[in-house]
Amino acid sequence: MDIQTHIKLNRQMMILTSIRKLKFATRRHLMAIHDLGGIRNANRILKDLGSFVNSTVYKKEYVYYLNKKGRALFDDTEKIVPTIRLAHSLMRNEAWLYLFCPDDWQIETPIRYKIDDKKKTIIPDVKFRDEEGIFKCCGNRSHSNDEHKQ
């Protein structure tokens, strides 16, 4: 394998990893994260990833997400399907970019706690630690479940 092929594969894996982390990503998001150059170059790179990603259109912009073959690269079993929450996911990704791409960005990960011997769960849109290590949790409509102690 020559060096150019190795560099190309490495870049493709980095882009696929970003799409996996964000669940949905637009070309603009990927250009900002990976410095893909101009629009034509970014389109060429994303076209090369066509066997690993599917795309849909939202507000005249292509939105990319991993297909079955792309998920198999990461041993993911969770199927990602664009739904009515696509706009919400893209807005969450905009926040990730605005906050300078925190490494520990966790999407819809439950937070469990206990009050008066009752177990409770909150599922925020996202949780992460800022540059000072302070835990942050963002959610527009976080829902909680009451789990009674058995």
N, C-alpha and C. Protein backbone atom coordinates (compact mmCIF):
# COMPACT_ATOMS: atom_id res chain seq x y z
N MET A 1 0.86 -1.18 0.00
CA MET A 1 0.00 0.00 0.00
C MET A 1 0.90 1.24 0.00
N ASP A 2 0.69 2.11 -0.94
CA ASP A 2 1.51 3.32 -0.99
C ASP A 2 1.02 4.35 0.02
N ILE A 3 1.81 5.36 0.23
CA ILE A 3 1.54 6.34 1.28
C ILE A 3 0.25 7.13 1.01
N GLN A 4 -0.03 7.45 -0.26
CA GLN A 4 -1.24 8.21 -0.59
C GLN A 4 -2.50 7.42 -0.23
N THR A 5 -2.50 6.12 -0.52
CA THR A 5 -3.65 5.28 -0.19
C THR A 5 -3.83 5.21 1.32
N HIS A 6 -2.73 5.10 2.04
CA HIS A 6 -2.79 5.05 3.50
C HIS A 6 -3.37 6.35 4.07
N ILE A 7 -2.93 7.48 3.54
CA ILE A 7 -3.44 8.77 4.00
C ILE A 7 -4.94 8.89 3.70
N LYS A 8 -5.35 8.45 2.50
CA LYS A 8 -6.76 8.51 2.11
C LYS A 8 -7.62 7.66 3.03
N LEU A 9 -7.18 6.43 3.32
CA LEU A 9 -7.94 5.55 4.21
C LEU A 9 -8.03 6.12 5.62
N ASN A 10 -6.94 6.70 6.09
CA ASN A 10 -6.93 7.30 7.42
C ASN A 10 -7.92 8.46 7.50
N ARG A 11 -7.94 9.31 6.47
CA ARG A 11 -8.88 10.44 6.44
C ARG A 11 -10.32 9.93 6.39
N GLN A 12 -10.58 8.90 5.59
CA GLN A 12 -11.93 8.35 5.50
C GLN A 12 -12.39 7.79 6.84
N MET A 13 -11.50 7.10 7.54
CA MET A 13 -11.88 6.55 8.85
C MET A 13 -12.15 7.67 9.86
N MET A 14 -11.38 8.74 9.79
CA MET A 14 -11.62 9.87 10.69
C MET A 14 -12.98 10.51 10.42
N ILE A 15 -13.34 10.64 9.15
CA ILE A 15 -14.63 11.22 8.79
C ILE A 15 -15.76 10.30 9.22
N LEU A 16 -15.61 9.00 8.99
CA LEU A 16 -16.63 8.04 9.41
C LEU A 16 -16.79 8.04 10.93
N THR A 17 -15.68 8.20 11.65
CA THR A 17 -15.74 8.26 13.11
C THR A 17 -16.52 9.49 13.57
N SER A 18 -16.33 10.61 12.89
CA SER A 18 -17.08 11.82 13.23
C SER A 18 -18.57 11.64 12.96
N ILE A 19 -18.90 11.03 11.83
CA ILE A 19 -20.31 10.79 11.51
C ILE A 19 -20.92 9.87 12.55
N ARG A 20 -20.15 8.87 12.97
CA ARG A 20 -20.65 7.94 14.00
C ARG A 20 -20.91 8.68 15.31
N LYS A 21 -19.98 9.55 15.69
CA LYS A 21 -20.12 10.28 16.96
C LYS A 21 -21.32 11.22 16.94
N LEU A 22 -21.52 11.91 15.82
CA LEU A 22 -22.59 12.89 15.72
C LEU A 22 -23.93 12.29 15.29
N LYS A 23 -23.91 11.07 14.78
CA LYS A 23 -25.06 10.35 14.23
C LYS A 23 -25.49 10.90 12.88
N PHE A 24 -25.58 12.21 12.73
CA PHE A 24 -25.89 12.86 11.46
C PHE A 24 -24.91 14.01 11.28
N ALA A 25 -24.44 14.23 10.06
CA ALA A 25 -23.52 15.34 9.81
C ALA A 25 -23.74 15.88 8.40
N THR A 26 -23.70 17.18 8.29
CA THR A 26 -23.79 17.81 6.98
C THR A 26 -22.38 17.98 6.42
N ARG A 27 -22.31 18.29 5.14
CA ARG A 27 -21.00 18.54 4.53
C ARG A 27 -20.31 19.69 5.24
N ARG A 28 -21.07 20.71 5.59
CA ARG A 28 -20.51 21.87 6.27
C ARG A 28 -19.90 21.49 7.62
N HIS A 29 -20.59 20.61 8.37
CA HIS A 29 -20.04 20.14 9.64
C HIS A 29 -18.71 19.42 9.41
N LEU A 30 -18.70 18.51 8.44
CA LEU A 30 -17.50 17.72 8.18
C LEU A 30 -16.36 18.59 7.65
N MET A 31 -16.69 19.61 6.87
CA MET A 31 -15.65 20.53 6.39
C MET A 31 -15.02 21.29 7.55
N ALA A 32 -15.83 21.69 8.51
CA ALA A 32 -15.31 22.43 9.67
C ALA A 32 -14.45 21.55 10.56
N ILE A 33 -14.83 20.29 10.71
CA ILE A 33 -14.11 19.38 11.60
C ILE A 33 -12.80 18.91 10.98
N HIS A 34 -12.84 18.54 9.70
CA HIS A 34 -11.71 17.84 9.07
C HIS A 34 -10.94 18.67 8.06
N ASP A 35 -11.25 19.94 7.92
CA ASP A 35 -10.54 20.80 6.99
C ASP A 35 -10.43 20.15 5.61
N LEU A 36 -11.59 19.91 5.00
CA LEU A 36 -11.65 19.20 3.72
C LEU A 36 -11.40 20.10 2.51
N GLY A 37 -11.05 21.34 2.73
CA GLY A 37 -10.80 22.23 1.61
C GLY A 37 -12.09 22.84 1.10
N GLY A 38 -12.17 23.00 -0.22
CA GLY A 38 -13.34 23.62 -0.83
C GLY A 38 -14.51 22.66 -0.95
N ILE A 39 -15.60 23.19 -1.44
CA ILE A 39 -16.83 22.40 -1.57
C ILE A 39 -16.65 21.25 -2.55
N ARG A 40 -15.99 21.50 -3.68
CA ARG A 40 -15.78 20.43 -4.67
C ARG A 40 -14.96 19.29 -4.09
N ASN A 41 -13.90 19.62 -3.37
CA ASN A 41 -13.07 18.58 -2.77
C ASN A 41 -13.84 17.81 -1.71
N ALA A 42 -14.62 18.52 -0.89
CA ALA A 42 -15.42 17.86 0.14
C ALA A 42 -16.45 16.92 -0.50
N ASN A 43 -17.08 17.37 -1.58
CA ASN A 43 -18.05 16.51 -2.27
C ASN A 43 -17.37 15.26 -2.83
N ARG A 44 -16.17 15.40 -3.37
CA ARG A 44 -15.43 14.26 -3.90
C ARG A 44 -15.11 13.25 -2.80
N ILE A 45 -14.65 13.75 -1.66
CA ILE A 45 -14.31 12.88 -0.53
C ILE A 45 -15.55 12.15 -0.03
N LEU A 46 -16.65 12.87 0.12
CA LEU A 46 -17.89 12.26 0.61
C LEU A 46 -18.47 11.27 -0.41
N LYS A 47 -18.26 11.53 -1.68
CA LYS A 47 -18.71 10.58 -2.70
C LYS A 47 -17.93 9.27 -2.58
N ASP A 48 -16.63 9.36 -2.26
CA ASP A 48 -15.81 8.15 -2.07
C ASP A 48 -16.30 7.33 -0.88
N LEU A 49 -16.98 7.95 0.07
CA LEU A 49 -17.50 7.25 1.24
C LEU A 49 -18.89 6.67 0.99
N GLY A 50 -19.37 6.76 -0.22
CA GLY A 50 -20.73 6.35 -0.56
C GLY A 50 -21.11 4.94 -0.17
N SER A 51 -20.15 4.03 -0.11
CA SER A 51 -20.49 2.65 0.27
C SER A 51 -20.67 2.50 1.78
N PHE A 52 -20.28 3.50 2.56
CA PHE A 52 -20.38 3.41 4.02
C PHE A 52 -21.43 4.35 4.61
N VAL A 53 -21.89 5.31 3.82
CA VAL A 53 -22.86 6.28 4.34
C VAL A 53 -24.07 6.38 3.41
N ASN A 54 -25.19 6.74 4.00
CA ASN A 54 -26.38 7.11 3.26
C ASN A 54 -26.55 8.61 3.45
N SER A 55 -27.35 9.20 2.60
CA SER A 55 -27.59 10.63 2.76
C SER A 55 -29.06 10.94 2.51
N THR A 56 -29.47 12.02 3.09
CA THR A 56 -30.81 12.55 2.88
C THR A 56 -30.66 14.06 2.75
N VAL A 57 -31.68 14.72 2.32
CA VAL A 57 -31.61 16.17 2.14
C VAL A 57 -32.48 16.84 3.20
N TYR A 58 -31.91 17.84 3.85
CA TYR A 58 -32.64 18.64 4.82
C TYR A 58 -32.31 20.11 4.55
N LYS A 59 -33.32 20.90 4.25
CA LYS A 59 -33.15 22.32 3.94
C LYS A 59 -32.07 22.55 2.88
N LYS A 60 -32.17 21.83 1.78
CA LYS A 60 -31.28 21.94 0.62
C LYS A 60 -29.83 21.59 0.94
N GLU A 61 -29.60 20.79 1.97
CA GLU A 61 -28.25 20.40 2.35
C GLU A 61 -28.24 18.89 2.58
N TYR A 62 -27.23 18.22 2.06
CA TYR A 62 -27.12 16.78 2.27
C TYR A 62 -26.72 16.50 3.71
N VAL A 63 -27.38 15.50 4.29
CA VAL A 63 -27.07 15.06 5.65
C VAL A 63 -26.63 13.61 5.55
N TYR A 64 -25.47 13.30 6.10
CA TYR A 64 -24.88 11.97 5.98
C TYR A 64 -25.02 11.21 7.30
N TYR A 65 -25.24 9.90 7.19
CA TYR A 65 -25.29 9.02 8.35
C TYR A 65 -24.81 7.64 7.92
N LEU A 66 -24.33 6.86 8.89
CA LEU A 66 -23.76 5.55 8.57
C LEU A 66 -24.84 4.57 8.12
N ASN A 67 -24.55 3.81 7.08
CA ASN A 67 -25.45 2.73 6.67
C ASN A 67 -24.99 1.43 7.33
N LYS A 68 -25.56 0.32 6.94
CA LYS A 68 -25.25 -0.96 7.57
C LYS A 68 -23.77 -1.30 7.45
N LYS A 69 -23.20 -1.09 6.28
CA LYS A 69 -21.78 -1.40 6.07
C LYS A 69 -20.89 -0.46 6.90
N GLY A 70 -21.28 0.80 7.00
CA GLY A 70 -20.53 1.75 7.81
C GLY A 70 -20.59 1.43 9.29
N ARG A 71 -21.78 1.01 9.76
CA ARG A 71 -21.91 0.62 11.17
C ARG A 71 -21.11 -0.63 11.46
N ALA A 72 -21.00 -1.54 10.48
CA ALA A 72 -20.25 -2.78 10.67
C ALA A 72 -18.77 -2.50 10.90
N LEU A 73 -18.24 -1.42 10.36
CA LEU A 73 -16.84 -1.05 10.59
C LEU A 73 -16.56 -0.81 12.07
N PHE A 74 -17.58 -0.32 12.79
CA PHE A 74 -17.44 0.01 14.20
C PHE A 74 -18.15 -0.99 15.11
N ASP A 75 -18.65 -2.07 14.56
CA ASP A 75 -19.42 -3.07 15.32
C ASP A 75 -20.63 -2.45 16.01
N ASP A 76 -21.24 -1.47 15.39
CA ASP A 76 -22.45 -0.85 15.92
C ASP A 76 -23.67 -1.65 15.49
N THR A 77 -24.61 -1.80 16.39
CA THR A 77 -25.85 -2.49 16.05
C THR A 77 -27.02 -1.53 15.99
N GLU A 78 -26.86 -0.33 16.53
CA GLU A 78 -27.93 0.66 16.55
C GLU A 78 -28.16 1.21 15.14
N LYS A 79 -29.36 1.03 14.65
CA LYS A 79 -29.70 1.52 13.32
C LYS A 79 -30.08 3.00 13.41
N ILE A 80 -29.47 3.80 12.57
CA ILE A 80 -29.73 5.23 12.53
C ILE A 80 -30.64 5.52 11.34
N VAL A 81 -31.78 6.14 11.62
CA VAL A 81 -32.74 6.45 10.58
C VAL A 81 -33.12 7.92 10.72
N PRO A 82 -33.06 8.68 9.62
CA PRO A 82 -33.48 10.09 9.72
C PRO A 82 -34.99 10.18 9.99
N THR A 83 -35.34 10.89 11.03
CA THR A 83 -36.74 11.02 11.43
C THR A 83 -37.08 12.50 11.55
N ILE A 84 -38.19 12.76 12.19
CA ILE A 84 -38.59 14.15 12.41
C ILE A 84 -37.62 14.84 13.38
N ARG A 85 -36.80 14.06 14.09
CA ARG A 85 -35.82 14.64 15.01
C ARG A 85 -34.51 15.01 14.32
N LEU A 86 -34.46 14.94 13.01
CA LEU A 86 -33.24 15.26 12.27
C LEU A 86 -32.82 16.71 12.52
N ALA A 87 -33.77 17.63 12.49
CA ALA A 87 -33.46 19.04 12.74
C ALA A 87 -32.86 19.21 14.13
N HIS A 88 -33.40 18.48 15.09
CA HIS A 88 -32.90 18.54 16.47
C HIS A 88 -31.46 18.04 16.53
N SER A 89 -31.18 16.94 15.84
CA SER A 89 -29.82 16.38 15.82
C SER A 89 -28.83 17.34 15.18
N LEU A 90 -29.23 17.98 14.11
CA LEU A 90 -28.33 18.93 13.44
C LEU A 90 -28.10 20.16 14.31
N MET A 91 -29.11 20.59 15.04
CA MET A 91 -28.95 21.72 15.96
C MET A 91 -27.97 21.34 17.08
N ARG A 92 -28.06 20.12 17.57
CA ARG A 92 -27.14 19.63 18.60
C ARG A 92 -25.71 19.62 18.05
N ASN A 93 -25.53 19.24 16.80
CA ASN A 93 -24.21 19.24 16.19
C ASN A 93 -23.66 20.66 16.04
N GLU A 94 -24.54 21.60 15.75
CA GLU A 94 -24.12 23.01 15.69
C GLU A 94 -23.59 23.46 17.06
N ALA A 95 -24.25 23.04 18.12
CA ALA A 95 -23.78 23.37 19.47
C ALA A 95 -22.41 22.76 19.72
N TRP A 96 -22.20 21.53 19.27
CA TRP A 96 -20.91 20.85 19.43
C TRP A 96 -19.80 21.65 18.75
N LEU A 97 -20.07 22.13 17.54
CA LEU A 97 -19.08 22.95 16.83
C LEU A 97 -18.87 24.28 17.54
N TYR A 98 -19.95 24.89 18.01
CA TYR A 98 -19.88 26.18 18.69
C TYR A 98 -19.05 26.08 19.97
N LEU A 99 -19.12 24.92 20.65
CA LEU A 99 -18.39 24.71 21.90
C LEU A 99 -17.00 24.13 21.65
N PHE A 100 -16.49 24.24 20.43
CA PHE A 100 -15.15 23.80 20.05
C PHE A 100 -14.96 22.30 20.17
N CYS A 101 -15.95 21.54 19.82
CA CYS A 101 -15.88 20.07 19.67
C CYS A 101 -15.35 19.35 20.92
N PRO A 102 -16.07 19.39 22.04
CA PRO A 102 -15.60 18.68 23.24
C PRO A 102 -15.41 17.19 22.96
N ASP A 103 -14.32 16.63 23.50
CA ASP A 103 -13.99 15.21 23.25
C ASP A 103 -14.98 14.25 23.88
N ASP A 104 -15.49 14.59 25.06
CA ASP A 104 -16.35 13.65 25.79
C ASP A 104 -17.84 13.92 25.56
N TRP A 105 -18.19 14.42 24.41
CA TRP A 105 -19.57 14.72 24.01
C TRP A 105 -20.36 13.42 23.97
N GLN A 106 -21.38 13.28 24.82
CA GLN A 106 -22.18 12.06 24.89
C GLN A 106 -23.64 12.40 24.61
N ILE A 107 -24.17 11.79 23.56
CA ILE A 107 -25.52 12.09 23.10
C ILE A 107 -26.53 11.18 23.79
N GLU A 108 -27.53 11.79 24.41
CA GLU A 108 -28.65 11.09 25.04
C GLU A 108 -28.21 9.93 25.93
N THR A 109 -27.22 10.20 26.78
CA THR A 109 -26.74 9.22 27.74
C THR A 109 -27.45 9.45 29.07
N PRO A 110 -28.06 8.42 29.65
CA PRO A 110 -28.82 8.60 30.89
C PRO A 110 -27.95 9.04 32.07
N ILE A 111 -28.53 9.87 32.91
CA ILE A 111 -27.93 10.25 34.19
C ILE A 111 -28.84 9.68 35.27
N ARG A 112 -28.28 8.82 36.09
CA ARG A 112 -29.08 8.18 37.15
C ARG A 112 -28.70 8.79 38.50
N TYR A 113 -29.72 9.00 39.33
CA TYR A 113 -29.48 9.53 40.66
C TYR A 113 -30.57 9.01 41.59
N LYS A 114 -30.39 9.28 42.88
CA LYS A 114 -31.31 8.76 43.88
C LYS A 114 -31.73 9.90 44.81
N ILE A 115 -33.04 10.02 45.02
CA ILE A 115 -33.59 11.00 45.96
C ILE A 115 -34.61 10.28 46.82
N ASP A 116 -34.44 10.37 48.13
CA ASP A 116 -35.37 9.74 49.08
C ASP A 116 -35.61 8.27 48.73
N ASP A 117 -34.55 7.54 48.51
CA ASP A 117 -34.60 6.11 48.19
C ASP A 117 -35.39 5.80 46.91
N LYS A 118 -35.56 6.77 46.08
CA LYS A 118 -36.20 6.54 44.77
C LYS A 118 -35.15 6.76 43.69
N LYS A 119 -35.03 5.80 42.80
CA LYS A 119 -34.09 5.92 41.70
C LYS A 119 -34.76 6.72 40.58
N LYS A 120 -34.02 7.68 40.07
CA LYS A 120 -34.54 8.52 38.99
C LYS A 120 -33.52 8.55 37.85
N THR A 121 -34.01 8.80 36.66
CA THR A 121 -33.17 8.87 35.48
C THR A 121 -33.56 10.09 34.66
N ILE A 122 -32.55 10.82 34.23
CA ILE A 122 -32.74 11.94 33.32
C ILE A 122 -31.96 11.62 32.05
N ILE A 123 -32.56 11.86 30.91
CA ILE A 123 -31.86 11.65 29.64
C ILE A 123 -31.75 13.01 28.95
N PRO A 124 -30.60 13.68 29.11
CA PRO A 124 -30.42 14.98 28.46
C PRO A 124 -30.08 14.80 26.98
N ASP A 125 -30.20 15.87 26.22
CA ASP A 125 -29.80 15.81 24.82
C ASP A 125 -28.31 15.46 24.71
N VAL A 126 -27.52 16.08 25.57
CA VAL A 126 -26.08 15.85 25.52
C VAL A 126 -25.47 16.16 26.89
N LYS A 127 -24.37 15.48 27.19
CA LYS A 127 -23.61 15.83 28.39
C LYS A 127 -22.12 15.80 28.04
N PHE A 128 -21.36 16.66 28.71
CA PHE A 128 -19.93 16.79 28.45
C PHE A 128 -19.29 17.56 29.59
N ARG A 129 -17.97 17.59 29.59
CA ARG A 129 -17.22 18.41 30.55
C ARG A 129 -16.56 19.55 29.78
N ASP A 130 -16.61 20.74 30.37
CA ASP A 130 -15.99 21.87 29.69
C ASP A 130 -14.49 21.90 29.94
N GLU A 131 -13.82 22.97 29.49
CA GLU A 131 -12.36 23.01 29.60
C GLU A 131 -11.85 23.03 31.04
N GLU A 132 -12.67 23.45 32.00
CA GLU A 132 -12.27 23.41 33.41
C GLU A 132 -12.63 22.08 34.07
N GLY A 133 -13.22 21.17 33.31
CA GLY A 133 -13.60 19.87 33.86
C GLY A 133 -14.96 19.87 34.55
N ILE A 134 -15.72 20.94 34.37
CA ILE A 134 -17.04 21.04 35.00
C ILE A 134 -18.05 20.32 34.13
N PHE A 135 -18.84 19.46 34.75
CA PHE A 135 -19.84 18.67 34.04
C PHE A 135 -20.98 19.55 33.57
N LYS A 136 -21.32 19.45 32.31
CA LYS A 136 -22.42 20.23 31.72
C LYS A 136 -23.44 19.27 31.13
N CYS A 137 -24.69 19.66 31.21
CA CYS A 137 -25.78 18.84 30.68
C CYS A 137 -26.74 19.78 29.97
N CYS A 138 -27.03 19.49 28.72
CA CYS A 138 -27.92 20.35 27.93
C CYS A 138 -29.11 19.55 27.47
N GLY A 139 -30.27 20.14 27.58
CA GLY A 139 -31.45 19.45 27.08
C GLY A 139 -32.60 20.40 26.91
N ASN A 140 -33.28 20.27 25.82
CA ASN A 140 -34.45 21.10 25.57
C ASN A 140 -35.64 20.54 26.31
N ARG A 141 -35.86 19.24 26.12
CA ARG A 141 -36.98 18.57 26.79
C ARG A 141 -36.50 17.25 27.35
N SER A 142 -35.71 17.31 28.40
CA SER A 142 -35.25 16.07 29.02
C SER A 142 -36.41 15.41 29.73
N HIS A 143 -36.50 14.12 29.60
CA HIS A 143 -37.57 13.42 30.31
C HIS A 143 -36.94 12.54 31.38
N SER A 144 -37.70 12.24 32.40
CA SER A 144 -37.17 11.43 33.48
C SER A 144 -38.12 10.28 33.76
N ASN A 145 -37.56 9.24 34.30
CA ASN A 145 -38.33 8.06 34.67
C ASN A 145 -38.18 7.83 36.16
N ASP A 146 -39.24 7.42 36.80
CA ASP A 146 -39.15 7.02 38.20
C ASP A 146 -39.00 5.51 38.25
N GLU A 147 -37.94 5.07 38.89
CA GLU A 147 -37.73 3.63 39.06
C GLU A 147 -37.84 3.35 40.56
N HIS A 148 -38.88 2.69 40.95
CA HIS A 148 -39.10 2.42 42.36
C HIS A 148 -38.18 1.30 42.82
N LYS A 149 -37.69 1.46 44.02
CA LYS A 149 -36.81 0.46 44.61
C LYS A 149 -37.59 -0.82 44.87
N GLN A 150 -37.01 -1.93 44.43
CA GLN A 150 -37.70 -3.21 44.62
C GLN A 150 -37.03 -4.03 45.69
